[in-house]
Amino acid sequence: MANIKSAKKRILVIETKTMQNKMIKSKLKTLIKKVDAAVAAGDKTLAAECLKDTVTALDKAAGKGIFHKNTVARKVSQLTKAVNALA
């Protein structure tokens, strides 16, 4: 355990940021599952709408450093390919 006041504060700040990152990751997993479910159901309009929201959220996460930009690019590519295959 830290003894220095600034180190104690950093521990609290890191815990807060960790919780925020976990919430964002959980939300992204849910959004990706919605796109996958819409693709599995064959609903192109719903899949396209969910894809738009998911891509936006993924880009924001990459901007905040929660995911690496290449990871986000790969996920967006896979999801877009799946939605476009419905046509």
C-alpha atoms as a PDB file:
ATOM      1  CA  MET A   1       0.000   0.000   0.000  1.00  0.00           C
ATOM      2  CA  ALA A   2       1.202   3.480  -0.829  1.00  0.00           C
ATOM      3  CA  ASN A   3       2.337   5.833   1.923  1.00  0.00           C
ATOM      4  CA  ILE A   4       2.734   9.018  -0.073  1.00  0.00           C
ATOM      5  CA  LYS A   5      -0.340  11.206  -0.480  1.00  0.00           C
ATOM      6  CA  SER A   6       0.065  11.631  -4.254  1.00  0.00           C
ATOM      7  CA  ALA A   7       0.472   7.882  -4.716  1.00  0.00           C
ATOM      8  CA  LYS A   8      -2.729   7.252  -2.748  1.00  0.00           C
ATOM      9  CA  LYS A   9      -4.537   9.729  -4.993  1.00  0.00           C
ATOM     10  CA  ARG A  10      -3.186   8.051  -8.134  1.00  0.00           C
ATOM     11  CA  ILE A  11      -4.539   4.709  -6.901  1.00  0.00           C
ATOM     12  CA  LEU A  12      -8.019   6.230  -6.522  1.00  0.00           C
ATOM     13  CA  VAL A  13      -7.847   7.885  -9.952  1.00  0.00           C
ATOM     14  CA  ILE A  14      -6.701   4.659 -11.605  1.00  0.00           C
ATOM     15  CA  GLU A  15      -9.592   2.735 -10.010  1.00  0.00           C
ATOM     16  CA  THR A  16     -12.057   5.296 -11.359  1.00  0.00           C
ATOM     17  CA  LYS A  17     -10.605   5.204 -14.861  1.00  0.00           C
ATOM     18  CA  THR A  18     -10.524   1.397 -14.817  1.00  0.00           C
ATOM     19  CA  MET A  19     -14.235   1.279 -14.006  1.00  0.00           C
ATOM     20  CA  GLN A  20     -15.008   3.762 -16.794  1.00  0.00           C
ATOM     21  CA  ASN A  21     -13.012   1.702 -19.296  1.00  0.00           C
ATOM     22  CA  LYS A  22     -14.783  -1.500 -18.205  1.00  0.00           C
ATOM     23  CA  MET A  23     -18.174   0.165 -18.718  1.00  0.00           C
ATOM     24  CA  ILE A  24     -17.212   1.317 -22.208  1.00  0.00           C
ATOM     25  CA  LYS A  25     -15.847  -2.128 -23.147  1.00  0.00           C
ATOM     26  CA  SER A  26     -19.018  -3.783 -21.879  1.00  0.00           C
ATOM     27  CA  LYS A  27     -21.182  -1.375 -23.889  1.00  0.00           C
ATOM     28  CA  LEU A  28     -19.140  -2.091 -27.018  1.00  0.00           C
ATOM     29  CA  LYS A  29     -19.512  -5.844 -26.570  1.00  0.00           C
ATOM     30  CA  THR A  30     -23.279  -5.368 -26.311  1.00  0.00           C
ATOM     31  CA  LEU A  31     -23.364  -3.224 -29.465  1.00  0.00           C
ATOM     32  CA  ILE A  32     -21.311  -5.793 -31.386  1.00  0.00           C
ATOM     33  CA  LYS A  33     -23.662  -8.563 -30.235  1.00  0.00           C
ATOM     34  CA  LYS A  34     -26.637  -6.514 -31.490  1.00  0.00           C
ATOM     35  CA  VAL A  35     -25.057  -6.234 -34.937  1.00  0.00           C
ATOM     36  CA  ASP A  36     -24.282  -9.959 -34.979  1.00  0.00           C
ATOM     37  CA  ALA A  37     -27.840 -10.797 -33.905  1.00  0.00           C
ATOM     38  CA  ALA A  38     -29.318  -8.581 -36.633  1.00  0.00           C
ATOM     39  CA  VAL A  39     -27.045 -10.220 -39.220  1.00  0.00           C
ATOM     40  CA  ALA A  40     -28.026 -13.683 -37.993  1.00  0.00           C
ATOM     41  CA  ALA A  41     -31.705 -12.715 -38.232  1.00  0.00           C
ATOM     42  CA  GLY A  42     -31.172 -11.374 -41.745  1.00  0.00           C
ATOM     43  CA  ASP A  43     -32.531  -7.895 -40.937  1.00  0.00           C
ATOM     44  CA  LYS A  44     -30.440  -5.587 -43.116  1.00  0.00           C
ATOM     45  CA  THR A  45     -31.968  -2.273 -41.959  1.00  0.00           C
ATOM     46  CA  LEU A  46     -31.554  -3.062 -38.268  1.00  0.00           C
ATOM     47  CA  ALA A  47     -28.027  -4.360 -38.875  1.00  0.00           C
ATOM     48  CA  ALA A  48     -27.083  -1.171 -40.743  1.00  0.00           C
ATOM     49  CA  GLU A  49     -28.437   1.043 -37.947  1.00  0.00           C
ATOM     50  CA  CYS A  50     -26.672  -0.966 -35.251  1.00  0.00           C
ATOM     51  CA  LEU A  51     -23.476  -0.949 -37.304  1.00  0.00           C
ATOM     52  CA  LYS A  52     -23.519   2.846 -37.506  1.00  0.00           C
ATOM     53  CA  ASP A  53     -23.832   3.174 -33.712  1.00  0.00           C
ATOM     54  CA  THR A  54     -21.187   0.524 -33.131  1.00  0.00           C
ATOM     55  CA  VAL A  55     -18.645   2.106 -35.480  1.00  0.00           C
ATOM     56  CA  THR A  56     -19.109   5.477 -33.784  1.00  0.00           C
ATOM     57  CA  ALA A  57     -18.621   3.973 -30.327  1.00  0.00           C
ATOM     58  CA  LEU A  58     -15.575   1.986 -31.449  1.00  0.00           C
ATOM     59  CA  ASP A  59     -13.954   5.080 -32.949  1.00  0.00           C
ATOM     60  CA  LYS A  60     -14.521   7.006 -29.721  1.00  0.00           C
ATOM     61  CA  ALA A  61     -12.979   4.158 -27.731  1.00  0.00           C
ATOM     62  CA  ALA A  62      -9.930   4.182 -30.010  1.00  0.00           C
ATOM     63  CA  GLY A  63      -9.616   7.932 -29.554  1.00  0.00           C
ATOM     64  CA  LYS A  64      -9.639   7.529 -25.779  1.00  0.00           C
ATOM     65  CA  GLY A  65      -7.026   4.791 -25.937  1.00  0.00           C
ATOM     66  CA  ILE A  66      -9.276   2.015 -24.674  1.00  0.00           C
ATOM     67  CA  PHE A  67      -8.616  -0.057 -27.797  1.00  0.00           C
ATOM     68  CA  HIS A  68      -5.731   0.121 -30.250  1.00  0.00           C
ATOM     69  CA  LYS A  69      -6.648   1.720 -33.560  1.00  0.00           C
ATOM     70  CA  ASN A  70      -5.789  -1.434 -35.512  1.00  0.00           C
ATOM     71  CA  THR A  71      -8.044  -3.523 -33.285  1.00  0.00           C
ATOM     72  CA  VAL A  72     -10.897  -1.110 -33.919  1.00  0.00           C
ATOM     73  CA  ALA A  73     -10.209  -1.112 -37.659  1.00  0.00           C
ATOM     74  CA  ARG A  74     -10.305  -4.927 -37.694  1.00  0.00           C
ATOM     75  CA  LYS A  75     -13.587  -5.082 -35.761  1.00  0.00           C
ATOM     76  CA  VAL A  76     -15.210  -2.439 -37.987  1.00  0.00           C
ATOM     77  CA  SER A  77     -14.045  -4.266 -41.087  1.00  0.00           C
ATOM     78  CA  GLN A  78     -15.436  -7.599 -39.920  1.00  0.00           C
ATOM     79  CA  LEU A  79     -18.789  -6.116 -38.923  1.00  0.00           C
ATOM     80  CA  THR A  80     -19.130  -4.113 -42.143  1.00  0.00           C
ATOM     81  CA  LYS A  81     -18.292  -7.169 -44.209  1.00  0.00           C
ATOM     82  CA  ALA A  82     -20.970  -9.191 -42.394  1.00  0.00           C
ATOM     83  CA  VAL A  83     -23.627  -6.491 -42.874  1.00  0.00           C
ATOM     84  CA  ASN A  84     -22.753  -6.000 -46.557  1.00  0.00           C
ATOM     85  CA  ALA A  85     -23.043  -9.744 -47.125  1.00  0.00           C
ATOM     86  CA  LEU A  86     -26.781  -9.474 -46.355  1.00  0.00           C
ATOM     87  CA  ALA A  87     -27.362  -7.623 -49.628  1.00  0.00           C
END
